[in-house]
Amino acid sequence: MIWEEADGALVAYALMAPPSTALTFQVHPQARGSGLETKILTWALERLRAETGWRGRTFSLWCRCHDSETERRSILEREGFIPLPARDLRLVRLLDVSLPVSHLPEGFVLRRGVHGEELEPYQELHRAVFDGISMGLDYHQSPAYEPDLDVIALDSAGTFAAFCLCELTGVSDSRGEYSVGEIGVIGTRPTYQRRELGRVLLLRGIHRLKERGATSVFLETEQAETPALHLFTSLGFRRVSTWQWMTKEIAPLT
């Protein structure tokens, strides 16, 4: 859904992409506090209430909120959203300096991207890395998917051992037009951890983003002191913001 001025100027947008029940929205700085945020939440809640009525079960509406977005947080709390305890970090690394050289451990090979029947072992790797959680594969099956930016390590038997999915996005702001890279998903199968596969794939992914014109690369990870966070900071990523999910349950009307 988009909101426009009478002259057609865009002032706000909201996005929900089923089956996800996460809400993404932005309001133009000059239009914030005008009531658009409440209209956006009303639109999202009505959509989800219709879904609960159709499916006959409770759903949760999710919305991200950065620590700096105090006004957004207040609006969400007034609408009954509750913050989850866990917090996540956004990290950024500029690509104006040289990158370390990486060497793939013996017994592994790299490949770029997956297609067709390869999506199932790719999905199985995701479940192995993230405690049984499946990955939405709509992106991999869409024209937007760029196999060259999906770096995958296979062991000698051809088993998917680790992956680093990157994306490149064009940005236009007060500084002009430029490209930024994102590390969307990165992980190593538990049986192959501590072999620096994650470090190698992350560096290969960053190199490819830089070759494609990215001036910086960002990623998001847990705020907790995890091995992943240690890896990212060791390669020059710095913390720029902290955010957390806020959620509201919507039950079917009785």
C-alpha atoms as a PDB file:
ATOM      1  CA  MET A   1       0.000   0.000   0.000  1.00  0.00           C
ATOM      2  CA  ILE A   2       1.238   3.502  -0.790  1.00  0.00           C
ATOM      3  CA  TRP A   3       0.117   6.925   0.374  1.00  0.00           C
ATOM      4  CA  GLU A   4       0.505   9.943  -1.883  1.00  0.00           C
ATOM      5  CA  GLU A   5      -0.064  13.673  -1.831  1.00  0.00           C
ATOM      6  CA  ALA A   6      -2.642  15.189  -4.181  1.00  0.00           C
ATOM      7  CA  ASP A   7       0.133  15.899  -6.685  1.00  0.00           C
ATOM      8  CA  GLY A   8       1.204  12.246  -6.657  1.00  0.00           C
ATOM      9  CA  ALA A   9       4.266  12.685  -4.421  1.00  0.00           C
ATOM     10  CA  LEU A  10       4.924   9.537  -2.390  1.00  0.00           C
ATOM     11  CA  VAL A  11       4.783  10.142   1.369  1.00  0.00           C
ATOM     12  CA  ALA A  12       4.538   6.615   2.825  1.00  0.00           C
ATOM     13  CA  TYR A  13       4.480   2.943   1.947  1.00  0.00           C
ATOM     14  CA  ALA A  14       3.684  -0.287   3.783  1.00  0.00           C
ATOM     15  CA  LEU A  15       4.494  -3.833   2.757  1.00  0.00           C
ATOM     16  CA  MET A  16       3.335  -7.257   3.923  1.00  0.00           C
ATOM     17  CA  ALA A  17       4.431 -10.215   1.796  1.00  0.00           C
ATOM     18  CA  PRO A  18       2.474 -13.398   2.669  1.00  0.00           C
ATOM     19  CA  PRO A  19       3.094 -15.920   4.074  1.00  0.00           C
ATOM     20  CA  SER A  20       5.194 -13.582   6.219  1.00  0.00           C
ATOM     21  CA  THR A  21       3.261 -11.507   8.751  1.00  0.00           C
ATOM     22  CA  ALA A  22       6.030  -8.930   9.150  1.00  0.00           C
ATOM     23  CA  LEU A  23       5.143  -5.330   8.396  1.00  0.00           C
ATOM     24  CA  THR A  24       7.657  -2.988   6.773  1.00  0.00           C
ATOM     25  CA  PHE A  25       6.770   0.681   6.456  1.00  0.00           C
ATOM     26  CA  GLN A  26       8.349   4.100   6.041  1.00  0.00           C
ATOM     27  CA  VAL A  27       6.918   7.597   6.253  1.00  0.00           C
ATOM     28  CA  HIS A  28       8.594  10.619   4.650  1.00  0.00           C
ATOM     29  CA  PRO A  29      10.309  12.703   7.374  1.00  0.00           C
ATOM     30  CA  GLN A  30       8.152  15.723   6.569  1.00  0.00           C
ATOM     31  CA  ALA A  31       4.965  13.664   6.989  1.00  0.00           C
ATOM     32  CA  ARG A  32       5.839  11.927  10.246  1.00  0.00           C
ATOM     33  CA  GLY A  33       3.520  12.609  13.149  1.00  0.00           C
ATOM     34  CA  SER A  34       0.649  13.479  10.808  1.00  0.00           C
ATOM     35  CA  GLY A  35      -1.316  10.329  11.588  1.00  0.00           C
ATOM     36  CA  LEU A  36      -0.021   8.262   8.674  1.00  0.00           C
ATOM     37  CA  GLU A  37       1.662   5.795  11.003  1.00  0.00           C
ATOM     38  CA  THR A  38      -1.683   5.009  12.638  1.00  0.00           C
ATOM     39  CA  LYS A  39      -3.330   4.586   9.226  1.00  0.00           C
ATOM     40  CA  ILE A  40      -0.583   2.154   8.204  1.00  0.00           C
ATOM     41  CA  LEU A  41      -1.025   0.049  11.342  1.00  0.00           C
ATOM     42  CA  THR A  42      -4.809   0.076  10.893  1.00  0.00           C
ATOM     43  CA  TRP A  43      -4.363  -1.177   7.315  1.00  0.00           C
ATOM     44  CA  ALA A  44      -1.994  -3.957   8.411  1.00  0.00           C
ATOM     45  CA  LEU A  45      -4.153  -5.043  11.346  1.00  0.00           C
ATOM     46  CA  GLU A  46      -7.281  -5.198   9.178  1.00  0.00           C
ATOM     47  CA  ARG A  47      -5.477  -7.383   6.657  1.00  0.00           C
ATOM     48  CA  LEU A  48      -4.285  -9.765   9.350  1.00  0.00           C
ATOM     49  CA  ARG A  49      -7.686  -9.883  11.061  1.00  0.00           C
ATOM     50  CA  ALA A  50      -9.186 -10.950   7.747  1.00  0.00           C
ATOM     51  CA  GLU A  51      -6.563 -13.688   7.540  1.00  0.00           C
ATOM     52  CA  THR A  52      -7.326 -14.934  11.063  1.00  0.00           C
ATOM     53  CA  GLY A  53     -11.031 -15.085  10.235  1.00  0.00           C
ATOM     54  CA  TRP A  54     -10.374 -17.028   7.044  1.00  0.00           C
ATOM     55  CA  ARG A  55      -7.911 -19.485   8.580  1.00  0.00           C
ATOM     56  CA  GLY A  56      -9.504 -19.655  12.024  1.00  0.00           C
ATOM     57  CA  ARG A  57      -6.285 -19.273  14.005  1.00  0.00           C
ATOM     58  CA  THR A  58      -4.178 -16.639  15.739  1.00  0.00           C
ATOM     59  CA  PHE A  59      -1.446 -14.759  13.886  1.00  0.00           C
ATOM     60  CA  SER A  60       1.231 -12.368  15.136  1.00  0.00           C
ATOM     61  CA  LEU A  61       1.948  -9.091  13.378  1.00  0.00           C
ATOM     62  CA  TRP A  62       5.648  -8.260  13.510  1.00  0.00           C
ATOM     63  CA  CYS A  63       7.346  -4.906  13.066  1.00  0.00           C
ATOM     64  CA  ARG A  64      10.986  -3.900  13.485  1.00  0.00           C
ATOM     65  CA  CYS A  65      11.949  -0.884  15.545  1.00  0.00           C
ATOM     66  CA  HIS A  66      15.431   0.620  15.825  1.00  0.00           C
ATOM     67  CA  ASP A  67      16.460   2.150  19.143  1.00  0.00           C
ATOM     68  CA  SER A  68      16.624   5.578  17.496  1.00  0.00           C
ATOM     69  CA  GLU A  69      13.002   5.313  16.294  1.00  0.00           C
ATOM     70  CA  THR A  70      11.444   6.477  19.552  1.00  0.00           C
ATOM     71  CA  GLU A  71       8.326   7.910  17.887  1.00  0.00           C
ATOM     72  CA  ARG A  72       7.679   4.667  15.985  1.00  0.00           C
ATOM     73  CA  ARG A  73       8.121   2.674  19.196  1.00  0.00           C
ATOM     74  CA  SER A  74       5.604   4.856  21.044  1.00  0.00           C
ATOM     75  CA  ILE A  75       3.028   4.427  18.254  1.00  0.00           C
ATOM     76  CA  LEU A  76       3.514   0.653  18.209  1.00  0.00           C
ATOM     77  CA  GLU A  77       3.179   0.413  21.987  1.00  0.00           C
ATOM     78  CA  ARG A  78      -0.040   2.468  21.903  1.00  0.00           C
ATOM     79  CA  GLU A  79      -1.415  -0.039  19.403  1.00  0.00           C
ATOM     80  CA  GLY A  80      -0.623  -2.938  21.766  1.00  0.00           C
ATOM     81  CA  PHE A  81       2.681  -4.145  20.317  1.00  0.00           C
ATOM     82  CA  ILE A  82       5.067  -5.791  22.782  1.00  0.00           C
ATOM     83  CA  PRO A  83       8.869  -5.740  22.307  1.00  0.00           C
ATOM     84  CA  LEU A  84      10.643  -9.088  22.271  1.00  0.00           C
ATOM     85  CA  PRO A  85      13.587  -9.392  24.688  1.00  0.00           C
ATOM     86  CA  ALA A  86      16.220 -10.167  22.045  1.00  0.00           C
ATOM     87  CA  ARG A  87      17.946  -7.308  20.285  1.00  0.00           C
ATOM     88  CA  ASP A  88      19.854  -7.370  17.015  1.00  0.00           C
ATOM     89  CA  LEU A  89      22.620  -5.262  15.552  1.00  0.00           C
ATOM     90  CA  ARG A  90      23.144  -3.663  12.179  1.00  0.00           C
ATOM     91  CA  LEU A  91      26.811  -3.669  11.204  1.00  0.00           C
ATOM     92  CA  VAL A  92      28.471  -1.842   8.301  1.00  0.00           C
ATOM     93  CA  ARG A  93      31.838  -2.117   6.600  1.00  0.00           C
ATOM     94  CA  LEU A  94      33.116   0.431   4.121  1.00  0.00           C
ATOM     95  CA  LEU A  95      34.787  -0.974   1.019  1.00  0.00           C
ATOM     96  CA  ASP A  96      37.273   1.846   0.456  1.00  0.00           C
ATOM     97  CA  VAL A  97      40.148  -0.202   1.924  1.00  0.00           C
ATOM     98  CA  SER A  98      41.714  -3.474   0.825  1.00  0.00           C
ATOM     99  CA  LEU A  99      40.247  -6.784   1.966  1.00  0.00           C
ATOM    100  CA  PRO A 100      42.193  -9.678   3.523  1.00  0.00           C
ATOM    101  CA  VAL A 101      43.071 -12.640   1.316  1.00  0.00           C
ATOM    102  CA  SER A 102      41.195 -15.869   2.088  1.00  0.00           C
ATOM    103  CA  HIS A 103      42.062 -19.480   1.298  1.00  0.00           C
ATOM    104  CA  LEU A 104      39.491 -22.260   1.104  1.00  0.00           C
ATOM    105  CA  PRO A 105      40.298 -25.238   3.383  1.00  0.00           C
ATOM    106  CA  GLU A 106      41.478 -28.399   1.642  1.00  0.00           C
ATOM    107  CA  GLY A 107      38.673 -30.744   0.588  1.00  0.00           C
ATOM    108  CA  PHE A 108      36.139 -28.022  -0.221  1.00  0.00           C
ATOM    109  CA  VAL A 109      35.142 -26.306  -3.466  1.00  0.00           C
ATOM    110  CA  LEU A 110      33.111 -23.177  -4.149  1.00  0.00           C
ATOM    111  CA  ARG A 111      30.152 -22.782  -6.453  1.00  0.00           C
ATOM    112  CA  ARG A 112      27.796 -19.944  -7.310  1.00  0.00           C
ATOM    113  CA  GLY A 113      24.048 -20.175  -6.875  1.00  0.00           C
ATOM    114  CA  VAL A 114      21.447 -22.939  -6.905  1.00  0.00           C
ATOM    115  CA  HIS A 115      18.634 -23.871  -9.278  1.00  0.00           C
ATOM    116  CA  GLY A 116      15.845 -26.420  -9.572  1.00  0.00           C
ATOM    117  CA  GLU A 117      16.488 -29.639  -7.655  1.00  0.00           C
ATOM    118  CA  GLU A 118      19.495 -28.049  -5.916  1.00  0.00           C
ATOM    119  CA  LEU A 119      17.101 -25.951  -3.817  1.00  0.00           C
ATOM    120  CA  GLU A 120      16.274 -28.924  -1.592  1.00  0.00           C
ATOM    121  CA  PRO A 121      19.856 -29.597  -0.358  1.00  0.00           C
ATOM    122  CA  TYR A 122      20.268 -25.831  -0.047  1.00  0.00           C
ATOM    123  CA  GLN A 123      17.159 -25.738   2.146  1.00  0.00           C
ATOM    124  CA  GLU A 124      18.451 -28.717   4.157  1.00  0.00           C
ATOM    125  CA  LEU A 125      21.687 -26.809   4.830  1.00  0.00           C
ATOM    126  CA  HIS A 126      19.685 -23.833   6.096  1.00  0.00           C
ATOM    127  CA  ARG A 127      17.742 -26.085   8.477  1.00  0.00           C
ATOM    128  CA  ALA A 128      20.975 -27.668   9.738  1.00  0.00           C
ATOM    129  CA  VAL A 129      22.506 -24.251  10.411  1.00  0.00           C
ATOM    130  CA  PHE A 130      19.455 -22.582  11.952  1.00  0.00           C
ATOM    131  CA  ASP A 131      18.021 -25.266  14.241  1.00  0.00           C
ATOM    132  CA  GLY A 132      15.462 -26.700  11.827  1.00  0.00           C
ATOM    133  CA  ILE A 133      14.121 -23.362  10.555  1.00  0.00           C
ATOM    134  CA  SER A 134      13.268 -23.440   6.852  1.00  0.00           C
ATOM    135  CA  MET A 135      14.207 -20.706   4.408  1.00  0.00           C
ATOM    136  CA  GLY A 136      11.745 -18.925   2.150  1.00  0.00           C
ATOM    137  CA  LEU A 137      12.938 -19.675  -1.374  1.00  0.00           C
ATOM    138  CA  ASP A 138      10.761 -17.227  -3.312  1.00  0.00           C
ATOM    139  CA  TYR A 139      13.768 -14.971  -3.868  1.00  0.00           C
ATOM    140  CA  HIS A 140      15.860 -17.823  -5.280  1.00  0.00           C
ATOM    141  CA  GLN A 141      13.129 -18.615  -7.772  1.00  0.00           C
ATOM    142  CA  SER A 142      12.577 -15.004  -8.878  1.00  0.00           C
ATOM    143  CA  PRO A 143      14.259 -12.951 -11.621  1.00  0.00           C
ATOM    144  CA  ALA A 144      15.887 -10.826  -8.899  1.00  0.00           C
ATOM    145  CA  TYR A 145      18.071 -13.732  -7.727  1.00  0.00           C
ATOM    146  CA  GLU A 146      21.725 -13.327  -8.698  1.00  0.00           C
ATOM    147  CA  PRO A 147      23.556 -16.677  -8.460  1.00  0.00           C
ATOM    148  CA  ASP A 148      26.908 -14.919  -8.749  1.00  0.00           C
ATOM    149  CA  LEU A 149      26.285 -13.358  -5.321  1.00  0.00           C
ATOM    150  CA  ASP A 150      25.275 -16.631  -3.637  1.00  0.00           C
ATOM    151  CA  VAL A 151      28.566 -18.219  -2.517  1.00  0.00           C
ATOM    152  CA  ILE A 152      28.329 -21.889  -1.510  1.00  0.00           C
ATOM    153  CA  ALA A 153      30.976 -24.332  -0.237  1.00  0.00           C
ATOM    154  CA  LEU A 154      30.663 -28.066  -0.987  1.00  0.00           C
ATOM    155  CA  ASP A 155      32.655 -30.872   0.619  1.00  0.00           C
ATOM    156  CA  SER A 156      34.418 -33.623  -1.345  1.00  0.00           C
ATOM    157  CA  ALA A 157      31.176 -35.658  -1.486  1.00  0.00           C
ATOM    158  CA  GLY A 158      29.229 -32.721  -2.951  1.00  0.00           C
ATOM    159  CA  THR A 159      27.328 -31.991   0.276  1.00  0.00           C
ATOM    160  CA  PHE A 160      26.426 -28.354   0.876  1.00  0.00           C
ATOM    161  CA  ALA A 161      28.679 -27.306   3.765  1.00  0.00           C
ATOM    162  CA  ALA A 162      28.304 -23.507   4.054  1.00  0.00           C
ATOM    163  CA  PHE A 163      26.730 -20.555   2.282  1.00  0.00           C
ATOM    164  CA  CYS A 164      26.849 -16.772   2.120  1.00  0.00           C
ATOM    165  CA  LEU A 165      23.949 -15.118   0.278  1.00  0.00           C
ATOM    166  CA  CYS A 166      24.660 -11.540  -0.781  1.00  0.00           C
ATOM    167  CA  GLU A 167      22.538  -8.895  -2.455  1.00  0.00           C
ATOM    168  CA  LEU A 168      23.307  -5.619  -4.217  1.00  0.00           C
ATOM    169  CA  THR A 169      20.988  -2.630  -3.913  1.00  0.00           C
ATOM    170  CA  GLY A 170      20.969   0.748  -5.615  1.00  0.00           C
ATOM    171  CA  VAL A 171      20.595   3.743  -3.276  1.00  0.00           C
ATOM    172  CA  SER A 172      19.739   7.351  -4.020  1.00  0.00           C
ATOM    173  CA  ASP A 173      20.015  10.005  -1.314  1.00  0.00           C
ATOM    174  CA  SER A 174      21.588  13.379  -0.591  1.00  0.00           C
ATOM    175  CA  ARG A 175      25.017  11.934  -1.415  1.00  0.00           C
ATOM    176  CA  GLY A 176      23.910  10.894  -4.897  1.00  0.00           C
ATOM    177  CA  GLU A 177      23.379   7.458  -6.434  1.00  0.00           C
ATOM    178  CA  TYR A 178      25.508   4.497  -5.390  1.00  0.00           C
ATOM    179  CA  SER A 179      25.338   0.762  -4.591  1.00  0.00           C
ATOM    180  CA  VAL A 180      25.458  -0.994  -1.234  1.00  0.00           C
ATOM    181  CA  GLY A 181      25.864  -4.694  -0.526  1.00  0.00           C
ATOM    182  CA  GLU A 182      24.042  -6.828   2.010  1.00  0.00           C
ATOM    183  CA  ILE A 183      25.014 -10.127   3.581  1.00  0.00           C
ATOM    184  CA  GLY A 184      21.550 -11.655   3.774  1.00  0.00           C
ATOM    185  CA  VAL A 185      22.261 -15.129   5.163  1.00  0.00           C
ATOM    186  CA  ILE A 186      25.527 -16.765   6.185  1.00  0.00           C
ATOM    187  CA  GLY A 187      26.102 -20.055   7.960  1.00  0.00           C
ATOM    188  CA  THR A 188      28.159 -23.233   8.203  1.00  0.00           C
ATOM    189  CA  ARG A 189      26.905 -26.761   8.810  1.00  0.00           C
ATOM    190  CA  PRO A 190      27.679 -27.647  12.477  1.00  0.00           C
ATOM    191  CA  THR A 191      29.919 -30.575  11.502  1.00  0.00           C
ATOM    192  CA  TYR A 192      32.145 -28.195   9.501  1.00  0.00           C
ATOM    193  CA  GLN A 193      32.386 -25.298  11.909  1.00  0.00           C
ATOM    194  CA  ARG A 194      35.752 -24.020  13.200  1.00  0.00           C
ATOM    195  CA  ARG A 195      37.390 -24.537   9.794  1.00  0.00           C
ATOM    196  CA  GLU A 196      37.074 -20.869   8.796  1.00  0.00           C
ATOM    197  CA  LEU A 197      34.569 -21.635   6.047  1.00  0.00           C
ATOM    198  CA  GLY A 198      32.422 -18.747   7.239  1.00  0.00           C
ATOM    199  CA  ARG A 199      35.346 -16.323   7.062  1.00  0.00           C
ATOM    200  CA  VAL A 200      36.295 -17.493   3.557  1.00  0.00           C
ATOM    201  CA  LEU A 201      32.761 -17.268   2.183  1.00  0.00           C
ATOM    202  CA  LEU A 202      32.132 -13.900   3.808  1.00  0.00           C
ATOM    203  CA  LEU A 203      35.286 -12.445   2.255  1.00  0.00           C
ATOM    204  CA  ARG A 204      34.485 -13.960  -1.150  1.00  0.00           C
ATOM    205  CA  GLY A 205      31.008 -12.470  -0.974  1.00  0.00           C
ATOM    206  CA  ILE A 206      32.335  -9.035  -0.003  1.00  0.00           C
ATOM    207  CA  HIS A 207      34.883  -9.180  -2.827  1.00  0.00           C
ATOM    208  CA  ARG A 208      32.125  -9.889  -5.342  1.00  0.00           C
ATOM    209  CA  LEU A 209      29.978  -7.060  -4.018  1.00  0.00           C
ATOM    210  CA  LYS A 210      32.928  -4.685  -4.296  1.00  0.00           C
ATOM    211  CA  GLU A 211      33.634  -5.881  -7.856  1.00  0.00           C
ATOM    212  CA  ARG A 212      30.008  -5.112  -8.699  1.00  0.00           C
ATOM    213  CA  GLY A 213      30.386  -1.532  -7.470  1.00  0.00           C
ATOM    214  CA  ALA A 214      29.270  -1.637  -3.826  1.00  0.00           C
ATOM    215  CA  THR A 215      30.798   1.144  -1.721  1.00  0.00           C
ATOM    216  CA  SER A 216      29.841  -0.505   1.578  1.00  0.00           C
ATOM    217  CA  VAL A 217      28.284  -3.710   2.876  1.00  0.00           C
ATOM    218  CA  PHE A 218      25.961  -4.251   5.822  1.00  0.00           C
ATOM    219  CA  LEU A 219      24.508  -7.183   7.735  1.00  0.00           C
ATOM    220  CA  GLU A 220      22.396  -7.882  10.791  1.00  0.00           C
ATOM    221  CA  THR A 221      23.142 -10.287  13.628  1.00  0.00           C
ATOM    222  CA  GLU A 222      22.376 -10.976  17.276  1.00  0.00           C
ATOM    223  CA  GLN A 223      23.530  -8.441  19.840  1.00  0.00           C
ATOM    224  CA  ALA A 224      24.897 -11.287  21.985  1.00  0.00           C
ATOM    225  CA  GLU A 225      28.648 -11.965  21.918  1.00  0.00           C
ATOM    226  CA  THR A 226      28.472 -14.863  19.459  1.00  0.00           C
ATOM    227  CA  PRO A 227      31.230 -16.355  17.259  1.00  0.00           C
ATOM    228  CA  ALA A 228      29.455 -14.767  14.280  1.00  0.00           C
ATOM    229  CA  LEU A 229      29.670 -11.287  15.813  1.00  0.00           C
ATOM    230  CA  HIS A 230      33.362 -11.865  16.573  1.00  0.00           C
ATOM    231  CA  LEU A 231      33.947 -12.849  12.933  1.00  0.00           C
ATOM    232  CA  PHE A 232      32.176  -9.773  11.591  1.00  0.00           C
ATOM    233  CA  THR A 233      33.977  -7.296  13.846  1.00  0.00           C
ATOM    234  CA  SER A 234      37.349  -8.954  13.133  1.00  0.00           C
ATOM    235  CA  LEU A 235      36.827  -8.153   9.449  1.00  0.00           C
ATOM    236  CA  GLY A 236      36.121  -4.483  10.027  1.00  0.00           C
ATOM    237  CA  PHE A 237      32.343  -4.353  10.481  1.00  0.00           C
ATOM    238  CA  ARG A 238      31.239  -1.686  12.957  1.00  0.00           C
ATOM    239  CA  ARG A 239      27.998  -1.310  14.844  1.00  0.00           C
ATOM    240  CA  VAL A 240      25.693   1.428  13.588  1.00  0.00           C
ATOM    241  CA  SER A 241      22.359   0.654  15.238  1.00  0.00           C
ATOM    242  CA  THR A 242      20.424  -1.705  17.479  1.00  0.00           C
ATOM    243  CA  TRP A 243      16.889  -2.907  16.781  1.00  0.00           C
ATOM    244  CA  GLN A 244      14.324  -5.381  18.039  1.00  0.00           C
ATOM    245  CA  TRP A 245      11.083  -6.957  16.908  1.00  0.00           C
ATOM    246  CA  MET A 246       7.777  -5.774  18.328  1.00  0.00           C
ATOM    247  CA  THR A 247       4.761  -8.026  17.931  1.00  0.00           C
ATOM    248  CA  LYS A 248       1.010  -8.106  18.450  1.00  0.00           C
ATOM    249  CA  GLU A 249      -1.191 -11.196  18.428  1.00  0.00           C
ATOM    250  CA  ILE A 250      -4.387 -11.120  16.402  1.00  0.00           C
ATOM    251  CA  ALA A 251      -6.946 -13.781  17.326  1.00  0.00           C
ATOM    252  CA  PRO A 252     -10.054 -14.769  15.339  1.00  0.00           C
ATOM    253  CA  LEU A 253     -13.239 -12.987  16.356  1.00  0.00           C
ATOM    254  CA  THR A 254     -15.570 -15.220  18.352  1.00  0.00           C
END
